[in-house]
C-alpha atoms as a PDB file:
ATOM      1  CA  MET A   1       0.000   0.000   0.000  1.00  0.00           C
ATOM      2  CA  ARG A   2       2.796   2.396   0.955  1.00  0.00           C
ATOM      3  CA  GLY A   3       4.537   1.728  -2.335  1.00  0.00           C
ATOM      4  CA  ASN A   4       1.357   2.456  -4.293  1.00  0.00           C
ATOM      5  CA  VAL A   5       0.868   5.767  -2.486  1.00  0.00           C
ATOM      6  CA  LEU A   6       4.454   6.750  -3.250  1.00  0.00           C
ATOM      7  CA  PHE A   7       4.067   5.887  -6.908  1.00  0.00           C
ATOM      8  CA  ARG A   8       0.635   7.488  -7.380  1.00  0.00           C
ATOM      9  CA  TYR A   9       1.012  10.705  -5.381  1.00  0.00           C
ATOM     10  CA  VAL A  10       4.471  11.523  -4.070  1.00  0.00           C
ATOM     11  CA  LEU A  11       6.501  10.713  -7.171  1.00  0.00           C
ATOM     12  CA  PRO A  12       4.294  12.749  -9.572  1.00  0.00           C
ATOM     13  CA  PHE A  13       4.426  15.660  -7.136  1.00  0.00           C
ATOM     14  CA  LEU A  14       8.221  15.560  -7.008  1.00  0.00           C
ATOM     15  CA  ILE A  15       8.358  15.532 -10.804  1.00  0.00           C
ATOM     16  CA  ALA A  16       5.797  18.317 -11.221  1.00  0.00           C
ATOM     17  CA  LEU A  17       7.338  20.639  -8.635  1.00  0.00           C
ATOM     18  CA  PRO A  18      10.524  21.604 -10.503  1.00  0.00           C
ATOM     19  CA  ILE A  19       8.659  21.732 -13.829  1.00  0.00           C
ATOM     20  CA  SER A  20       6.022  24.141 -12.483  1.00  0.00           C
ATOM     21  CA  PHE A  21       8.774  26.170 -10.825  1.00  0.00           C
ATOM     22  CA  LEU A  22      10.484  26.701 -14.161  1.00  0.00           C
ATOM     23  CA  ILE A  23       7.223  27.483 -15.963  1.00  0.00           C
ATOM     24  CA  LEU A  24       6.415  30.209 -13.436  1.00  0.00           C
ATOM     25  CA  TYR A  25       9.883  31.724 -13.765  1.00  0.00           C
ATOM     26  CA  PRO A  26      11.091  31.661 -17.393  1.00  0.00           C
ATOM     27  CA  GLN A  27      14.104  33.726 -16.335  1.00  0.00           C
ATOM     28  CA  LEU A  28      15.493  30.604 -14.703  1.00  0.00           C
ATOM     29  CA  ILE A  29      15.221  28.662 -17.945  1.00  0.00           C
ATOM     30  CA  ARG A  30      17.174  31.392 -19.736  1.00  0.00           C
ATOM     31  CA  CYS A  31      19.844  31.311 -17.028  1.00  0.00           C
ATOM     32  CA  MET A  32      20.120  27.531 -17.267  1.00  0.00           C
ATOM     33  CA  ARG A  33      20.547  27.764 -21.038  1.00  0.00           C
ATOM     34  CA  VAL A  34      22.883  30.763 -21.126  1.00  0.00           C
ATOM     35  CA  ASP A  35      25.747  28.589 -22.359  1.00  0.00           C
ATOM     36  CA  GLN A  36      23.636  27.788 -25.447  1.00  0.00           C
ATOM     37  CA  SER A  37      22.544  31.361 -26.125  1.00  0.00           C
ATOM     38  CA  THR A  38      24.005  33.099 -29.157  1.00  0.00           C
ATOM     39  CA  ASP A  39      23.686  36.399 -27.266  1.00  0.00           C
ATOM     40  CA  PHE A  40      26.267  35.437 -24.634  1.00  0.00           C
ATOM     41  CA  GLU A  41      29.827  34.223 -24.544  1.00  0.00           C
ATOM     42  CA  GLN A  42      32.263  33.209 -21.844  1.00  0.00           C
ATOM     43  CA  LEU A  43      34.512  35.952 -20.523  1.00  0.00           C
ATOM     44  CA  ASP A  44      38.097  34.939 -21.264  1.00  0.00           C
ATOM     45  CA  SER A  45      36.949  31.325 -21.497  1.00  0.00           C
ATOM     46  CA  GLN A  46      35.898  31.439 -17.830  1.00  0.00           C
ATOM     47  CA  LYS A  47      33.206  28.804 -17.524  1.00  0.00           C
ATOM     48  CA  GLN A  48      31.528  30.642 -14.643  1.00  0.00           C
ATOM     49  CA  VAL A  49      31.232  34.105 -16.256  1.00  0.00           C
ATOM     50  CA  TYR A  50      29.042  34.907 -19.257  1.00  0.00           C
ATOM     51  CA  VAL A  51      28.870  38.334 -20.850  1.00  0.00           C
ATOM     52  CA  ASN A  52      26.410  39.637 -23.397  1.00  0.00           C
ATOM     53  CA  ARG A  53      28.013  40.190 -26.801  1.00  0.00           C
ATOM     54  CA  LEU A  54      26.801  43.812 -26.742  1.00  0.00           C
ATOM     55  CA  ALA A  55      29.230  44.594 -23.907  1.00  0.00           C
ATOM     56  CA  THR A  56      32.044  46.911 -24.935  1.00  0.00           C
ATOM     57  CA  GLN A  57      35.731  46.161 -24.405  1.00  0.00           C
ATOM     58  CA  LYS A  58      35.801  48.724 -21.610  1.00  0.00           C
ATOM     59  CA  GLN A  59      32.899  46.999 -19.862  1.00  0.00           C
ATOM     60  CA  ARG A  60      34.637  43.644 -20.238  1.00  0.00           C
ATOM     61  CA  ARG A  61      37.864  44.981 -18.719  1.00  0.00           C
ATOM     62  CA  GLN A  62      35.939  46.441 -15.811  1.00  0.00           C
ATOM     63  CA  LEU A  63      34.045  43.180 -15.302  1.00  0.00           C
ATOM     64  CA  ARG A  64      37.276  41.168 -15.166  1.00  0.00           C
ATOM     65  CA  GLN A  65      38.744  43.405 -12.468  1.00  0.00           C
ATOM     66  CA  ASN A  66      35.514  43.670 -10.504  1.00  0.00           C
ATOM     67  CA  VAL A  67      35.075  39.892 -10.407  1.00  0.00           C
ATOM     68  CA  VAL A  68      38.644  39.476  -9.119  1.00  0.00           C
ATOM     69  CA  THR A  69      38.157  42.149  -6.443  1.00  0.00           C
ATOM     70  CA  ALA A  70      34.782  40.793  -5.301  1.00  0.00           C
ATOM     71  CA  THR A  71      35.952  37.174  -5.266  1.00  0.00           C
ATOM     72  CA  ASP A  72      38.993  38.060  -3.162  1.00  0.00           C
ATOM     73  CA  ARG A  73      36.758  39.913  -0.706  1.00  0.00           C
ATOM     74  CA  ILE A  74      34.451  36.896  -0.363  1.00  0.00           C
ATOM     75  CA  ARG A  75      37.357  34.509   0.211  1.00  0.00           C
ATOM     76  CA  ARG A  76      38.682  36.676   3.034  1.00  0.00           C
ATOM     77  CA  PHE A  77      35.260  37.240   4.578  1.00  0.00           C
ATOM     78  CA  TRP A  78      34.313  33.531   4.527  1.00  0.00           C
ATOM     79  CA  ASP A  79      37.802  32.012   4.955  1.00  0.00           C
ATOM     80  CA  GLY A  80      37.523  30.489   1.493  1.00  0.00           C
ATOM     81  CA  GLN A  81      34.981  30.242  -1.284  1.00  0.00           C
ATOM     82  CA  ARG A  82      32.690  27.290  -1.951  1.00  0.00           C
ATOM     83  CA  GLY A  83      30.109  29.024  -4.141  1.00  0.00           C
ATOM     84  CA  ARG A  84      30.174  28.151  -7.825  1.00  0.00           C
ATOM     85  CA  ALA A  85      27.407  30.348  -9.189  1.00  0.00           C
ATOM     86  CA  ILE A  86      27.228  31.219 -12.881  1.00  0.00           C
ATOM     87  CA  LEU A  87      27.634  34.985 -13.313  1.00  0.00           C
ATOM     88  CA  ILE A  88      25.662  36.581 -16.166  1.00  0.00           C
ATOM     89  CA  TYR A  89      26.337  40.188 -17.170  1.00  0.00           C
ATOM     90  CA  CYS A  90      23.616  42.070 -19.057  1.00  0.00           C
ATOM     91  CA  PRO A  91      24.737  45.568 -20.127  1.00  0.00           C
ATOM     92  CA  THR A  92      21.207  46.631 -21.128  1.00  0.00           C
ATOM     93  CA  GLN A  93      18.092  46.882 -18.981  1.00  0.00           C
ATOM     94  CA  ASP A  94      15.942  44.975 -21.469  1.00  0.00           C
ATOM     95  CA  GLU A  95      18.338  42.025 -21.405  1.00  0.00           C
ATOM     96  CA  TYR A  96      18.534  42.204 -17.619  1.00  0.00           C
ATOM     97  CA  ARG A  97      14.769  41.818 -17.308  1.00  0.00           C
ATOM     98  CA  GLN A  98      14.984  38.648 -19.379  1.00  0.00           C
ATOM     99  CA  TYR A  99      17.319  37.008 -16.855  1.00  0.00           C
ATOM    100  CA  CYS A 100      16.480  38.565 -13.485  1.00  0.00           C
ATOM    101  CA  ILE A 101      13.087  37.969 -11.875  1.00  0.00           C
ATOM    102  CA  GLY A 102      11.548  41.394 -11.419  1.00  0.00           C
ATOM    103  CA  GLY A 103      14.293  43.117 -13.378  1.00  0.00           C
ATOM    104  CA  GLU A 104      15.004  45.575 -10.566  1.00  0.00           C
ATOM    105  CA  GLY A 105      18.196  46.645  -8.842  1.00  0.00           C
ATOM    106  CA  ALA A 106      21.779  46.321  -9.982  1.00  0.00           C
ATOM    107  CA  GLY A 107      21.955  42.560  -9.562  1.00  0.00           C
ATOM    108  CA  CYS A 108      20.037  39.535  -8.316  1.00  0.00           C
ATOM    109  CA  SER A 109      20.677  35.989  -7.128  1.00  0.00           C
ATOM    110  CA  LEU A 110      18.707  33.019  -8.424  1.00  0.00           C
ATOM    111  CA  GLY A 111      19.098  29.719  -6.598  1.00  0.00           C
ATOM    112  CA  LEU A 112      17.531  26.391  -7.521  1.00  0.00           C
ATOM    113  CA  PRO A 113      16.478  23.680  -5.043  1.00  0.00           C
ATOM    114  CA  TRP A 114      18.709  21.117  -6.766  1.00  0.00           C
ATOM    115  CA  GLY A 115      21.875  23.155  -6.259  1.00  0.00           C
ATOM    116  CA  GLU A 116      22.506  25.397  -9.249  1.00  0.00           C
ATOM    117  CA  SER A 117      22.693  29.149  -8.747  1.00  0.00           C
ATOM    118  CA  TYR A 118      23.045  32.206 -10.960  1.00  0.00           C
ATOM    119  CA  LEU A 119      24.108  35.784 -10.305  1.00  0.00           C
ATOM    120  CA  VAL A 120      22.671  38.210 -12.834  1.00  0.00           C
ATOM    121  CA  LEU A 121      24.195  41.682 -13.197  1.00  0.00           C
ATOM    122  CA  GLY A 122      22.354  44.563 -14.836  1.00  0.00           C
ATOM    123  CA  PRO A 123      23.704  47.770 -16.390  1.00  0.00           C
ATOM    124  CA  GLU A 124      24.634  49.122 -12.936  1.00  0.00           C
ATOM    125  CA  GLY A 125      25.908  45.772 -11.691  1.00  0.00           C
ATOM    126  CA  ASN A 126      29.401  45.910 -13.197  1.00  0.00           C
ATOM    127  CA  ASN A 127      30.693  46.950  -9.806  1.00  0.00           C
ATOM    128  CA  ALA A 128      32.845  45.129  -7.236  1.00  0.00           C
ATOM    129  CA  ASP A 129      30.415  45.923  -4.410  1.00  0.00           C
ATOM    130  CA  VAL A 130      27.381  44.619  -6.287  1.00  0.00           C
ATOM    131  CA  ILE A 131      29.215  41.454  -7.296  1.00  0.00           C
ATOM    132  CA  ALA A 132      30.502  40.863  -3.752  1.00  0.00           C
ATOM    133  CA  HIS A 133      26.970  41.363  -2.415  1.00  0.00           C
ATOM    134  CA  GLU A 134      25.541  38.724  -4.742  1.00  0.00           C
ATOM    135  CA  LEU A 135      28.466  36.350  -4.217  1.00  0.00           C
ATOM    136  CA  CYS A 136      27.834  36.519  -0.471  1.00  0.00           C
ATOM    137  CA  HIS A 137      24.277  35.274  -1.025  1.00  0.00           C
ATOM    138  CA  ASP A 138      25.688  32.467  -3.150  1.00  0.00           C
ATOM    139  CA  GLU A 139      28.259  31.524  -0.521  1.00  0.00           C
ATOM    140  CA  LEU A 140      25.592  31.144   2.147  1.00  0.00           C
ATOM    141  CA  PHE A 141      23.573  29.034  -0.284  1.00  0.00           C
ATOM    142  CA  ALA A 142      26.596  26.860  -1.132  1.00  0.00           C
ATOM    143  CA  ARG A 143      27.474  26.202   2.503  1.00  0.00           C
ATOM    144  CA  LEU A 144      23.987  25.497   3.810  1.00  0.00           C
ATOM    145  CA  GLY A 145      21.959  24.414   0.791  1.00  0.00           C
ATOM    146  CA  TRP A 146      18.813  25.895  -0.706  1.00  0.00           C
ATOM    147  CA  TRP A 147      16.371  24.165   1.651  1.00  0.00           C
ATOM    148  CA  ARG A 148      18.197  25.068   4.866  1.00  0.00           C
ATOM    149  CA  VAL A 149      18.618  28.708   3.810  1.00  0.00           C
ATOM    150  CA  LYS A 150      14.928  28.999   2.955  1.00  0.00           C
ATOM    151  CA  ARG A 151      13.726  27.208   6.076  1.00  0.00           C
ATOM    152  CA  GLN A 152      16.179  28.307   8.755  1.00  0.00           C
ATOM    153  CA  ILE A 153      17.979  31.512   7.791  1.00  0.00           C
ATOM    154  CA  PRO A 154      15.937  34.698   8.284  1.00  0.00           C
ATOM    155  CA  GLN A 155      16.025  37.055   5.347  1.00  0.00           C
ATOM    156  CA  TRP A 156      17.289  39.903   7.511  1.00  0.00           C
ATOM    157  CA  PHE A 157      20.471  37.913   8.164  1.00  0.00           C
ATOM    158  CA  ASN A 158      20.914  36.886   4.530  1.00  0.00           C
ATOM    159  CA  GLU A 159      20.619  40.491   3.355  1.00  0.00           C
ATOM    160  CA  GLY A 160      22.448  42.026   6.280  1.00  0.00           C
ATOM    161  CA  LEU A 161      25.409  39.706   5.802  1.00  0.00           C
ATOM    162  CA  ALA A 162      25.650  40.598   2.108  1.00  0.00           C
ATOM    163  CA  LEU A 163      25.733  44.281   3.065  1.00  0.00           C
ATOM    164  CA  MET A 164      28.869  43.646   5.127  1.00  0.00           C
ATOM    165  CA  VAL A 165      30.870  43.037   1.936  1.00  0.00           C
ATOM    166  CA  ASP A 166      29.007  45.730   0.005  1.00  0.00           C
ATOM    167  CA  TYR A 167      30.992  48.893   0.681  1.00  0.00           C
ATOM    168  CA  ARG A 168      28.351  51.098  -0.879  1.00  0.00           C
ATOM    169  CA  PHE A 169      26.584  50.738   2.463  1.00  0.00           C
ATOM    170  CA  SER A 170      29.091  49.542   5.080  1.00  0.00           C
ATOM    171  CA  SER A 171      32.631  50.340   6.114  1.00  0.00           C
ATOM    172  CA  PRO A 172      35.503  47.908   5.305  1.00  0.00           C
ATOM    173  CA  SER A 173      36.875  48.666   8.779  1.00  0.00           C
ATOM    174  CA  LEU A 174      34.014  46.682  10.320  1.00  0.00           C
ATOM    175  CA  TRP A 175      35.754  43.381   9.580  1.00  0.00           C
ATOM    176  CA  GLU A 176      38.794  43.994   7.381  1.00  0.00           C
ATOM    177  CA  LYS A 177      40.468  46.285   9.926  1.00  0.00           C
ATOM    178  CA  PRO A 178      38.658  45.635  13.199  1.00  0.00           C
ATOM    179  CA  GLY A 179      39.264  48.153  15.940  1.00  0.00           C
ATOM    180  CA  THR A 180      40.036  51.039  13.593  1.00  0.00           C
ATOM    181  CA  ALA A 181      36.478  52.380  13.421  1.00  0.00           C
ATOM    182  CA  GLN A 182      34.336  53.868  16.143  1.00  0.00           C
ATOM    183  CA  PRO A 183      30.795  52.442  16.495  1.00  0.00           C
ATOM    184  CA  ASP A 184      29.259  55.568  14.958  1.00  0.00           C
ATOM    185  CA  SER A 185      31.362  55.189  11.808  1.00  0.00           C
ATOM    186  CA  LEU A 186      30.640  51.556  10.975  1.00  0.00           C
ATOM    187  CA  PHE A 187      28.229  52.751   8.302  1.00  0.00           C
ATOM    188  CA  SER A 188      30.124  55.505   6.558  1.00  0.00           C
ATOM    189  CA  ASP A 189      28.683  58.894   5.704  1.00  0.00           C
ATOM    190  CA  ASP A 190      31.416  59.365   3.119  1.00  0.00           C
ATOM    191  CA  ALA A 191      30.312  60.988  -0.135  1.00  0.00           C
ATOM    192  CA  THR A 192      31.022  57.760  -2.010  1.00  0.00           C
ATOM    193  CA  THR A 193      28.859  55.691   0.306  1.00  0.00           C
ATOM    194  CA  MET A 194      25.120  55.415  -0.188  1.00  0.00           C
ATOM    195  CA  THR A 195      22.852  55.751   2.832  1.00  0.00           C
ATOM    196  CA  PHE A 196      19.429  54.323   3.526  1.00  0.00           C
ATOM    197  CA  GLY A 197      18.026  57.571   4.846  1.00  0.00           C
ATOM    198  CA  GLN A 198      15.860  57.176   7.923  1.00  0.00           C
ATOM    199  CA  PRO A 199      16.893  55.254  11.054  1.00  0.00           C
ATOM    200  CA  PRO A 200      15.523  51.703  11.331  1.00  0.00           C
ATOM    201  CA  MET A 201      11.933  51.450  12.513  1.00  0.00           C
ATOM    202  CA  LEU A 202      11.269  47.762  11.818  1.00  0.00           C
ATOM    203  CA  LYS A 203      11.503  44.682  14.011  1.00  0.00           C
ATOM    204  CA  LEU A 204      13.659  41.755  12.981  1.00  0.00           C
ATOM    205  CA  THR A 205      10.661  39.504  13.512  1.00  0.00           C
ATOM    206  CA  ASP A 206       8.927  41.422  10.715  1.00  0.00           C
ATOM    207  CA  LEU A 207      11.770  40.594   8.289  1.00  0.00           C
ATOM    208  CA  GLU A 208      11.951  36.819   8.521  1.00  0.00           C
ATOM    209  CA  THR A 209      10.910  35.804   4.992  1.00  0.00           C
ATOM    210  CA  THR A 210      11.634  37.142   1.516  1.00  0.00           C
ATOM    211  CA  ARG A 211       8.060  38.379   1.293  1.00  0.00           C
ATOM    212  CA  ASP A 212       8.374  40.094   4.671  1.00  0.00           C
ATOM    213  CA  PHE A 213      11.603  41.784   3.670  1.00  0.00           C
ATOM    214  CA  PHE A 214      10.756  42.972   0.171  1.00  0.00           C
ATOM    215  CA  GLY A 215       7.037  43.554   0.588  1.00  0.00           C
ATOM    216  CA  GLY A 216       5.703  47.079   0.706  1.00  0.00           C
ATOM    217  CA  SER A 217       6.961  50.397  -0.595  1.00  0.00           C
ATOM    218  CA  TYR A 218      10.470  51.361  -1.659  1.00  0.00           C
ATOM    219  CA  GLU A 219      10.889  53.303   1.591  1.00  0.00           C
ATOM    220  CA  ARG A 220       9.967  50.247   3.651  1.00  0.00           C
ATOM    221  CA  VAL A 221      12.419  48.033   1.777  1.00  0.00           C
ATOM    222  CA  MET A 222      15.162  50.594   2.441  1.00  0.00           C
ATOM    223  CA  LEU A 223      14.259  50.517   6.125  1.00  0.00           C
ATOM    224  CA  ALA A 224      14.438  46.726   5.987  1.00  0.00           C
ATOM    225  CA  TYR A 225      17.956  46.928   4.576  1.00  0.00           C
ATOM    226  CA  GLN A 226      18.948  49.458   7.241  1.00  0.00           C
ATOM    227  CA  THR A 227      17.559  47.286  10.020  1.00  0.00           C
ATOM    228  CA  ALA A 228      19.348  44.208   8.683  1.00  0.00           C
ATOM    229  CA  ALA A 229      22.634  46.061   8.210  1.00  0.00           C
ATOM    230  CA  ASP A 230      22.523  47.535  11.708  1.00  0.00           C
ATOM    231  CA  GLU A 231      21.863  44.187  13.379  1.00  0.00           C
ATOM    232  CA  VAL A 232      24.390  42.114  11.435  1.00  0.00           C
ATOM    233  CA  GLY A 233      26.932  44.945  11.705  1.00  0.00           C
ATOM    234  CA  ARG A 234      26.447  45.019  15.486  1.00  0.00           C
ATOM    235  CA  TRP A 235      26.854  41.227  15.696  1.00  0.00           C
ATOM    236  CA  LEU A 236      29.885  41.171  13.398  1.00  0.00           C
ATOM    237  CA  ALA A 237      31.608  43.922  15.397  1.00  0.00           C
ATOM    238  CA  ILE A 238      31.408  41.602  18.429  1.00  0.00           C
ATOM    239  CA  VAL A 239      32.153  38.153  16.998  1.00  0.00           C
ATOM    240  CA  GLY A 240      34.599  39.288  14.310  1.00  0.00           C
ATOM    241  CA  GLN A 241      35.107  37.926  10.824  1.00  0.00           C
ATOM    242  CA  ALA A 242      35.767  34.421  12.133  1.00  0.00           C
ATOM    243  CA  GLY A 243      32.202  34.327  13.419  1.00  0.00           C
ATOM    244  CA  VAL A 244      30.814  34.180   9.874  1.00  0.00           C
ATOM    245  CA  PRO A 245      32.174  30.745   8.833  1.00  0.00           C
ATOM    246  CA  ALA A 246      31.749  29.537  12.430  1.00  0.00           C
ATOM    247  CA  LEU A 247      28.029  30.306  12.304  1.00  0.00           C
ATOM    248  CA  ALA A 248      27.621  28.644   8.913  1.00  0.00           C
ATOM    249  CA  ASN A 249      29.458  25.538  10.112  1.00  0.00           C
ATOM    250  CA  ALA A 250      27.297  25.328  13.234  1.00  0.00           C
ATOM    251  CA  VAL A 251      24.048  25.534  11.252  1.00  0.00           C
ATOM    252  CA  ALA A 252      25.356  23.072   8.653  1.00  0.00           C
ATOM    253  CA  ASN A 253      26.066  20.634  11.508  1.00  0.00           C
ATOM    254  CA  GLY A 254      22.492  20.825  12.751  1.00  0.00           C
ATOM    255  CA  ASP A 255      22.462  23.730  15.222  1.00  0.00           C
ATOM    256  CA  ASP A 256      19.500  26.061  15.246  1.00  0.00           C
ATOM    257  CA  PHE A 257      20.403  29.387  13.610  1.00  0.00           C
ATOM    258  CA  ARG A 258      19.216  31.595  16.455  1.00  0.00           C
ATOM    259  CA  ASN A 259      20.905  29.488  19.102  1.00  0.00           C
ATOM    260  CA  ALA A 260      24.200  29.525  17.218  1.00  0.00           C
ATOM    261  CA  TYR A 261      23.921  33.242  16.432  1.00  0.00           C
ATOM    262  CA  GLN A 262      23.391  34.127  20.094  1.00  0.00           C
ATOM    263  CA  ARG A 263      25.881  31.588  21.419  1.00  0.00           C
ATOM    264  CA  LEU A 264      28.762  32.956  19.340  1.00  0.00           C
ATOM    265  CA  GLU A 265      28.021  36.443  20.625  1.00  0.00           C
ATOM    266  CA  ARG A 266      27.828  35.283  24.256  1.00  0.00           C
ATOM    267  CA  GLU A 267      31.095  33.386  23.970  1.00  0.00           C
ATOM    268  CA  LYS A 268      32.880  36.363  22.483  1.00  0.00           C
ATOM    269  CA  ARG A 269      31.562  38.717  25.158  1.00  0.00           C
ATOM    270  CA  ARG A 270      32.575  36.214  27.863  1.00  0.00           C
ATOM    271  CA  SER A 271      36.105  35.875  26.500  1.00  0.00           C
ATOM    272  CA  ARG A 272      36.542  39.652  26.412  1.00  0.00           C
ATOM    273  CA  SER A 273      35.402  40.068  30.007  1.00  0.00           C
ATOM    274  CA  ARG A 274      38.057  37.704  31.343  1.00  0.00           C
END
């Protein structure tokens, strides 16, 4: 009887789920077939980086350097790099909409339940900070898996962590040169650094899911980013850069995210008080 139920109901559901997922999001199909598209080619024969043929030589040179800079930043932040996402650069907005769900922002991350992931860059995404931001999402995905990230990692942490390597919004001194910045300067007011505007007014419990985080007006989403950045920045200033891979390892080994997140902070505070 159990075998019949599996064959009649569970198996068809498991087959239909990924198919319906792809039908709902044609952008994913395009990403999966980018290596067969006549509109894209590999950048310097790099299997992981595809660039639209409309990109100029200047844009290609910038992309090469930005990928190197962002990748180096991720390796230092995470003590290595496990992510293997395909990076797709679209120099026009129309092309970007074809590959990024929603077509908004400078870049987006697309992860699939069976392990593949894609980082799509738009016209404003040929930037080391944007690439590092998206690579940070991919690194979390690679270390914990799609299901665990979706089920256990709150969106405020996922986004807040990515902002720590995105120097448009945070200061490198927060983790690259700990101890050199005062608490008030962790999020720079420098002219080259973008700000979110208003102080955070949201609760972390209101930013648990993707829908929670990105739902609402533009102003609310900016407040969500500010809230996430403030909390993860506060935590990172205490636990240090080593706390990032330590947290991921703990969750990967079965620890509850919140317990591990709080435990690492308590242990660091305890060691400093001795």
